[in-house]
Amino acid sequence: MSRSRKKTKIRGITTSITEKKEKQEANRKFRRTINQKVKLGEDHFPLLKELSNVWCFSKDGKRYDSEMEEKYLRK
């Protein structure tokens, strides 16, 4: 992977590296709620956005950085 490079200069806004744990927790909560509603025989299922708030995750999104150094473009 020594020659592997990012093509666009985009990075996360905050210092958090990943949101993996938060995404896992949100999806587990979503699947658990859906399974409970299926067992009860309900027809209306909530959306993922209704059960979790992405604004509470550790990263606040991404931003283009035209002055990003070459060392940050390496994978």
PDB file of N, CA and C in Angstrom:
ATOM      1  N   MET A   1       0.814  -1.198   0.000  1.00  0.00           N
ATOM      2  CA  MET A   1       0.000   0.000   0.000  1.00  0.00           C
ATOM      3  C   MET A   1       0.858   1.262   0.000  1.00  0.00           C
ATOM      4  N   SER A   2       2.118   1.147  -0.276  1.00  0.00           N
ATOM      5  CA  SER A   2       2.983   2.312  -0.209  1.00  0.00           C
ATOM      6  C   SER A   2       2.668   3.340  -1.296  1.00  0.00           C
ATOM      7  N   ARG A   3       2.080   2.913  -2.396  1.00  0.00           N
ATOM      8  CA  ARG A   3       1.744   3.851  -3.465  1.00  0.00           C
ATOM      9  C   ARG A   3       0.279   4.258  -3.440  1.00  0.00           C
ATOM     10  N   SER A   4      -0.458   3.763  -2.473  1.00  0.00           N
ATOM     11  CA  SER A   4      -1.873   4.055  -2.389  1.00  0.00           C
ATOM     12  C   SER A   4      -2.081   5.463  -1.824  1.00  0.00           C
ATOM     13  N   ARG A   5      -2.863   6.267  -2.521  1.00  0.00           N
ATOM     14  CA  ARG A   5      -3.110   7.653  -2.121  1.00  0.00           C
ATOM     15  C   ARG A   5      -4.587   7.979  -2.230  1.00  0.00           C
ATOM     16  N   LYS A   6      -5.036   8.914  -1.389  1.00  0.00           N
ATOM     17  CA  LYS A   6      -6.385   9.447  -1.522  1.00  0.00           C
ATOM     18  C   LYS A   6      -6.417  10.342  -2.745  1.00  0.00           C
ATOM     19  N   LYS A   7      -7.555  10.366  -3.420  1.00  0.00           N
ATOM     20  CA  LYS A   7      -7.674  11.199  -4.613  1.00  0.00           C
ATOM     21  C   LYS A   7      -8.250  12.572  -4.297  1.00  0.00           C
ATOM     22  N   THR A   8      -9.067  12.666  -3.246  1.00  0.00           N
ATOM     23  CA  THR A   8      -9.647  13.950  -2.861  1.00  0.00           C
ATOM     24  C   THR A   8      -9.152  14.347  -1.483  1.00  0.00           C
ATOM     25  N   LYS A   9      -8.997  15.626  -1.290  1.00  0.00           N
ATOM     26  CA  LYS A   9      -8.455  16.148  -0.035  1.00  0.00           C
ATOM     27  C   LYS A   9      -9.600  16.438   0.936  1.00  0.00           C
ATOM     28  N   ILE A  10     -10.196  15.359   1.461  1.00  0.00           N
ATOM     29  CA  ILE A  10     -11.307  15.483   2.397  1.00  0.00           C
ATOM     30  C   ILE A  10     -10.922  14.818   3.709  1.00  0.00           C
ATOM     31  N   ARG A  11     -11.241  15.482   4.817  1.00  0.00           N
ATOM     32  CA  ARG A  11     -10.956  14.919   6.144  1.00  0.00           C
ATOM     33  C   ARG A  11     -12.104  15.223   7.091  1.00  0.00           C
ATOM     34  N   GLY A  12     -12.137  14.481   8.201  1.00  0.00           N
ATOM     35  CA  GLY A  12     -13.145  14.722   9.224  1.00  0.00           C
ATOM     36  C   GLY A  12     -12.911  16.051   9.915  1.00  0.00           C
ATOM     37  N   ILE A  13     -13.990  16.668  10.390  1.00  0.00           N
ATOM     38  CA  ILE A  13     -13.873  17.987  11.007  1.00  0.00           C
ATOM     39  C   ILE A  13     -13.226  17.908  12.385  1.00  0.00           C
ATOM     40  N   THR A  14     -13.559  16.912  13.196  1.00  0.00           N
ATOM     41  CA  THR A  14     -13.005  16.830  14.543  1.00  0.00           C
ATOM     42  C   THR A  14     -11.811  15.878  14.595  1.00  0.00           C
ATOM     43  N   THR A  15     -11.274  15.689  15.774  1.00  0.00           N
ATOM     44  CA  THR A  15     -10.091  14.853  15.921  1.00  0.00           C
ATOM     45  C   THR A  15     -10.415  13.372  16.030  1.00  0.00           C
ATOM     46  N   SER A  16     -11.682  13.016  16.107  1.00  0.00           N
ATOM     47  CA  SER A  16     -12.056  11.608  16.202  1.00  0.00           C
ATOM     48  C   SER A  16     -11.687  10.881  14.913  1.00  0.00           C
ATOM     49  N   ILE A  17     -11.155   9.688  15.046  1.00  0.00           N
ATOM     50  CA  ILE A  17     -10.714   8.932  13.880  1.00  0.00           C
ATOM     51  C   ILE A  17     -11.878   8.195  13.237  1.00  0.00           C
ATOM     52  N   THR A  18     -12.755   7.597  14.054  1.00  0.00           N
ATOM     53  CA  THR A  18     -13.803   6.760  13.508  1.00  0.00           C
ATOM     54  C   THR A  18     -15.095   6.881  14.314  1.00  0.00           C
ATOM     55  N   GLU A  19     -16.198   6.525  13.671  1.00  0.00           N
ATOM     56  CA  GLU A  19     -17.507   6.487  14.320  1.00  0.00           C
ATOM     57  C   GLU A  19     -18.047   5.056  14.346  1.00  0.00           C
ATOM     58  N   LYS A  20     -17.166   4.095  14.216  1.00  0.00           N
ATOM     59  CA  LYS A  20     -17.584   2.701  14.079  1.00  0.00           C
ATOM     60  C   LYS A  20     -18.437   2.234  15.256  1.00  0.00           C
ATOM     61  N   LYS A  21     -18.013   2.499  16.479  1.00  0.00           N
ATOM     62  CA  LYS A  21     -18.753   2.042  17.665  1.00  0.00           C
ATOM     63  C   LYS A  21     -20.149   2.661  17.713  1.00  0.00           C
ATOM     64  N   GLU A  22     -20.240   3.952  17.405  1.00  0.00           N
ATOM     65  CA  GLU A  22     -21.538   4.618  17.443  1.00  0.00           C
ATOM     66  C   GLU A  22     -22.474   4.079  16.370  1.00  0.00           C
ATOM     67  N   LYS A  23     -21.937   3.795  15.194  1.00  0.00           N
ATOM     68  CA  LYS A  23     -22.757   3.228  14.125  1.00  0.00           C
ATOM     69  C   LYS A  23     -23.235   1.822  14.483  1.00  0.00           C
ATOM     70  N   GLN A  24     -22.351   1.033  15.112  1.00  0.00           N
ATOM     71  CA  GLN A  24     -22.736  -0.312  15.530  1.00  0.00           C
ATOM     72  C   GLN A  24     -23.858  -0.255  16.561  1.00  0.00           C
ATOM     73  N   GLU A  25     -23.733   0.621  17.546  1.00  0.00           N
ATOM     74  CA  GLU A  25     -24.762   0.754  18.573  1.00  0.00           C
ATOM     75  C   GLU A  25     -26.087   1.206  17.983  1.00  0.00           C
ATOM     76  N   ALA A  26     -26.052   2.153  17.049  1.00  0.00           N
ATOM     77  CA  ALA A  26     -27.277   2.650  16.433  1.00  0.00           C
ATOM     78  C   ALA A  26     -27.969   1.547  15.629  1.00  0.00           C
ATOM     79  N   ASN A  27     -27.199   0.768  14.879  1.00  0.00           N
ATOM     80  CA  ASN A  27     -27.795  -0.296  14.075  1.00  0.00           C
ATOM     81  C   ASN A  27     -28.302  -1.446  14.934  1.00  0.00           C
ATOM     82  N   ARG A  28     -27.622  -1.734  16.039  1.00  0.00           N
ATOM     83  CA  ARG A  28     -28.105  -2.767  16.958  1.00  0.00           C
ATOM     84  C   ARG A  28     -29.427  -2.351  17.584  1.00  0.00           C
ATOM     85  N   LYS A  29     -29.530  -1.094  17.969  1.00  0.00           N
ATOM     86  CA  LYS A  29     -30.772  -0.568  18.532  1.00  0.00           C
ATOM     87  C   LYS A  29     -31.892  -0.640  17.492  1.00  0.00           C
ATOM     88  N   PHE A  30     -31.572  -0.305  16.255  1.00  0.00           N
ATOM     89  CA  PHE A  30     -32.550  -0.343  15.170  1.00  0.00           C
ATOM     90  C   PHE A  30     -33.045  -1.775  14.927  1.00  0.00           C
ATOM     91  N   ARG A  31     -32.121  -2.729  14.818  1.00  0.00           N
ATOM     92  CA  ARG A  31     -32.508  -4.116  14.581  1.00  0.00           C
ATOM     93  C   ARG A  31     -33.310  -4.690  15.748  1.00  0.00           C
ATOM     94  N   ARG A  32     -32.928  -4.351  16.972  1.00  0.00           N
ATOM     95  CA  ARG A  32     -33.643  -4.830  18.155  1.00  0.00           C
ATOM     96  C   ARG A  32     -35.082  -4.300  18.151  1.00  0.00           C
ATOM     97  N   THR A  33     -35.269  -3.035  17.819  1.00  0.00           N
ATOM     98  CA  THR A  33     -36.605  -2.442  17.768  1.00  0.00           C
ATOM     99  C   THR A  33     -37.447  -3.082  16.678  1.00  0.00           C
ATOM    100  N   ILE A  34     -36.859  -3.302  15.505  1.00  0.00           N
ATOM    101  CA  ILE A  34     -37.585  -3.939  14.401  1.00  0.00           C
ATOM    102  C   ILE A  34     -38.007  -5.354  14.787  1.00  0.00           C
ATOM    103  N   ASN A  35     -37.101  -6.117  15.380  1.00  0.00           N
ATOM    104  CA  ASN A  35     -37.430  -7.490  15.787  1.00  0.00           C
ATOM    105  C   ASN A  35     -38.552  -7.521  16.814  1.00  0.00           C
ATOM    106  N   GLN A  36     -38.554  -6.579  17.754  1.00  0.00           N
ATOM    107  CA  GLN A  36     -39.624  -6.521  18.749  1.00  0.00           C
ATOM    108  C   GLN A  36     -40.965  -6.208  18.102  1.00  0.00           C
ATOM    109  N   LYS A  37     -40.971  -5.297  17.128  1.00  0.00           N
ATOM    110  CA  LYS A  37     -42.219  -4.939  16.449  1.00  0.00           C
ATOM    111  C   LYS A  37     -42.729  -6.080  15.578  1.00  0.00           C
ATOM    112  N   VAL A  38     -41.825  -6.836  14.973  1.00  0.00           N
ATOM    113  CA  VAL A  38     -42.232  -7.992  14.169  1.00  0.00           C
ATOM    114  C   VAL A  38     -42.888  -9.048  15.059  1.00  0.00           C
ATOM    115  N   LYS A  39     -42.298  -9.291  16.231  1.00  0.00           N
ATOM    116  CA  LYS A  39     -42.863 -10.286  17.153  1.00  0.00           C
ATOM    117  C   LYS A  39     -44.237  -9.868  17.671  1.00  0.00           C
ATOM    118  N   LEU A  40     -44.466  -8.557  17.808  1.00  0.00           N
ATOM    119  CA  LEU A  40     -45.762  -8.066  18.263  1.00  0.00           C
ATOM    120  C   LEU A  40     -46.786  -7.998  17.129  1.00  0.00           C
ATOM    121  N   GLY A  41     -46.326  -8.181  15.902  1.00  0.00           N
ATOM    122  CA  GLY A  41     -47.219  -8.176  14.748  1.00  0.00           C
ATOM    123  C   GLY A  41     -47.575  -6.789  14.240  1.00  0.00           C
ATOM    124  N   GLU A  42     -46.754  -5.806  14.554  1.00  0.00           N
ATOM    125  CA  GLU A  42     -47.025  -4.436  14.093  1.00  0.00           C
ATOM    126  C   GLU A  42     -46.592  -4.268  12.643  1.00  0.00           C
ATOM    127  N   ASP A  43     -47.245  -3.331  11.953  1.00  0.00           N
ATOM    128  CA  ASP A  43     -46.950  -3.084  10.541  1.00  0.00           C
ATOM    129  C   ASP A  43     -46.086  -1.846  10.319  1.00  0.00           C
ATOM    130  N   HIS A  44     -46.106  -0.926  11.243  1.00  0.00           N
ATOM    131  CA  HIS A  44     -45.346   0.320  11.088  1.00  0.00           C
ATOM    132  C   HIS A  44     -43.986   0.177  11.761  1.00  0.00           C
ATOM    133  N   PHE A  45     -42.921   0.361  10.975  1.00  0.00           N
ATOM    134  CA  PHE A  45     -41.567   0.255  11.493  1.00  0.00           C
ATOM    135  C   PHE A  45     -40.888   1.627  11.457  1.00  0.00           C
ATOM    136  N   PRO A  46     -40.114   1.957  12.492  1.00  0.00           N
ATOM    137  CA  PRO A  46     -39.417   3.247  12.502  1.00  0.00           C
ATOM    138  C   PRO A  46     -38.227   3.235  11.547  1.00  0.00           C
ATOM    139  N   LEU A  47     -37.816   4.411  11.154  1.00  0.00           N
ATOM    140  CA  LEU A  47     -36.609   4.565  10.347  1.00  0.00           C
ATOM    141  C   LEU A  47     -35.397   4.653  11.273  1.00  0.00           C
ATOM    142  N   LEU A  48     -34.233   4.383  10.720  1.00  0.00           N
ATOM    143  CA  LEU A  48     -33.003   4.462  11.510  1.00  0.00           C
ATOM    144  C   LEU A  48     -32.803   5.874  12.066  1.00  0.00           C
ATOM    145  N   LYS A  49     -33.159   6.876  11.270  1.00  0.00           N
ATOM    146  CA  LYS A  49     -32.995   8.267  11.698  1.00  0.00           C
ATOM    147  C   LYS A  49     -33.896   8.632  12.872  1.00  0.00           C
ATOM    148  N   GLU A  50     -34.996   7.903  13.025  1.00  0.00           N
ATOM    149  CA  GLU A  50     -35.900   8.165  14.137  1.00  0.00           C
ATOM    150  C   GLU A  50     -35.357   7.628  15.455  1.00  0.00           C
ATOM    151  N   LEU A  51     -34.484   6.635  15.397  1.00  0.00           N
ATOM    152  CA  LEU A  51     -33.958   5.995  16.609  1.00  0.00           C
ATOM    153  C   LEU A  51     -32.584   6.506  17.024  1.00  0.00           C
ATOM    154  N   SER A  52     -31.818   7.054  16.102  1.00  0.00           N
ATOM    155  CA  SER A  52     -30.488   7.550  16.446  1.00  0.00           C
ATOM    156  C   SER A  52     -30.277   8.919  15.813  1.00  0.00           C
ATOM    157  N   ASN A  53     -29.459   9.716  16.460  1.00  0.00           N
ATOM    158  CA  ASN A  53     -29.180  11.062  15.997  1.00  0.00           C
ATOM    159  C   ASN A  53     -27.711  11.132  15.560  1.00  0.00           C
ATOM    160  N   VAL A  54     -27.466  11.289  14.266  1.00  0.00           N
ATOM    161  CA  VAL A  54     -26.086  11.318  13.769  1.00  0.00           C
ATOM    162  C   VAL A  54     -25.330  12.549  14.249  1.00  0.00           C
ATOM    163  N   TRP A  55     -26.037  13.574  14.699  1.00  0.00           N
ATOM    164  CA  TRP A  55     -25.374  14.773  15.204  1.00  0.00           C
ATOM    165  C   TRP A  55     -24.746  14.533  16.577  1.00  0.00           C
ATOM    166  N   CYS A  56     -25.100  13.433  17.225  1.00  0.00           N
ATOM    167  CA  CYS A  56     -24.510  13.102  18.525  1.00  0.00           C
ATOM    168  C   CYS A  56     -23.272  12.210  18.376  1.00  0.00           C
ATOM    169  N   PHE A  57     -22.946  11.818  17.160  1.00  0.00           N
ATOM    170  CA  PHE A  57     -21.763  10.993  16.945  1.00  0.00           C
ATOM    171  C   PHE A  57     -20.512  11.856  17.127  1.00  0.00           C
ATOM    172  N   SER A  58     -19.357  11.199  17.259  1.00  0.00           N
ATOM    173  CA  SER A  58     -18.134  11.914  17.606  1.00  0.00           C
ATOM    174  C   SER A  58     -17.591  12.806  16.484  1.00  0.00           C
ATOM    175  N   LYS A  59     -17.834  12.462  15.226  1.00  0.00           N
ATOM    176  CA  LYS A  59     -17.403  13.323  14.129  1.00  0.00           C
ATOM    177  C   LYS A  59     -18.587  14.151  13.658  1.00  0.00           C
ATOM    178  N   ASP A  60     -18.310  15.343  13.209  1.00  0.00           N
ATOM    179  CA  ASP A  60     -19.374  16.232  12.748  1.00  0.00           C
ATOM    180  C   ASP A  60     -19.432  16.309  11.229  1.00  0.00           C
ATOM    181  N   GLY A  61     -18.895  15.349  10.552  1.00  0.00           N
ATOM    182  CA  GLY A  61     -18.935  15.364   9.100  1.00  0.00           C
ATOM    183  C   GLY A  61     -17.556  15.498   8.503  1.00  0.00           C
ATOM    184  N   LYS A  62     -17.531  15.881   7.242  1.00  0.00           N
ATOM    185  CA  LYS A  62     -16.268  16.001   6.516  1.00  0.00           C
ATOM    186  C   LYS A  62     -16.183  17.360   5.852  1.00  0.00           C
ATOM    187  N   ARG A  63     -14.955  17.748   5.515  1.00  0.00           N
ATOM    188  CA  ARG A  63     -14.744  19.038   4.871  1.00  0.00           C
ATOM    189  C   ARG A  63     -13.578  18.925   3.896  1.00  0.00           C
ATOM    190  N   TYR A  64     -13.672  19.626   2.774  1.00  0.00           N
ATOM    191  CA  TYR A  64     -12.601  19.666   1.787  1.00  0.00           C
ATOM    192  C   TYR A  64     -11.491  20.574   2.305  1.00  0.00           C
ATOM    193  N   ASP A  65     -10.249  20.111   2.193  1.00  0.00           N
ATOM    194  CA  ASP A  65      -9.101  20.873   2.664  1.00  0.00           C
ATOM    195  C   ASP A  65      -8.099  20.985   1.527  1.00  0.00           C
ATOM    196  N   SER A  66      -8.085  22.121   0.849  1.00  0.00           N
ATOM    197  CA  SER A  66      -7.220  22.287  -0.322  1.00  0.00           C
ATOM    198  C   SER A  66      -5.739  22.334   0.048  1.00  0.00           C
ATOM    199  N   GLU A  67      -5.422  22.636   1.311  1.00  0.00           N
ATOM    200  CA  GLU A  67      -4.030  22.748   1.743  1.00  0.00           C
ATOM    201  C   GLU A  67      -3.555  21.525   2.524  1.00  0.00           C
ATOM    202  N   MET A  68      -4.211  20.382   2.332  1.00  0.00           N
ATOM    203  CA  MET A  68      -3.840  19.164   3.048  1.00  0.00           C
ATOM    204  C   MET A  68      -2.445  18.707   2.611  1.00  0.00           C
ATOM    205  N   GLU A  69      -1.623  18.362   3.587  1.00  0.00           N
ATOM    206  CA  GLU A  69      -0.263  17.930   3.285  1.00  0.00           C
ATOM    207  C   GLU A  69      -0.251  16.541   2.660  1.00  0.00           C
ATOM    208  N   GLU A  70       0.811  16.239   1.969  1.00  0.00           N
ATOM    209  CA  GLU A  70       0.949  14.965   1.248  1.00  0.00           C
ATOM    210  C   GLU A  70       0.921  13.748   2.188  1.00  0.00           C
ATOM    211  N   LYS A  71       1.452  13.912   3.399  1.00  0.00           N
ATOM    212  CA  LYS A  71       1.492  12.770   4.331  1.00  0.00           C
ATOM    213  C   LYS A  71       0.102  12.330   4.768  1.00  0.00           C
ATOM    214  N   TYR A  72      -0.909  13.232   4.727  1.00  0.00           N
ATOM    215  CA  TYR A  72      -2.271  12.881   5.108  1.00  0.00           C
ATOM    216  C   TYR A  72      -3.058  12.251   3.960  1.00  0.00           C
ATOM    217  N   LEU A  73      -2.489  12.269   2.766  1.00  0.00           N
ATOM    218  CA  LEU A  73      -3.151  11.655   1.619  1.00  0.00           C
ATOM    219  C   LEU A  73      -2.778  10.188   1.483  1.00  0.00           C
ATOM    220  N   ARG A  74      -1.804   9.708   2.251  1.00  0.00           N
ATOM    221  CA  ARG A  74      -1.432   8.295   2.209  1.00  0.00           C
ATOM    222  C   ARG A  74      -2.475   7.471   2.942  1.00  0.00           C
ATOM    223  N   LYS A  75      -2.706   6.271   2.424  1.00  0.00           N
ATOM    224  CA  LYS A  75      -3.685   5.373   3.087  1.00  0.00           C
ATOM    225  C   LYS A  75      -2.978   4.460   4.053  1.00  0.00           C
TER     226      LYS A  75
END
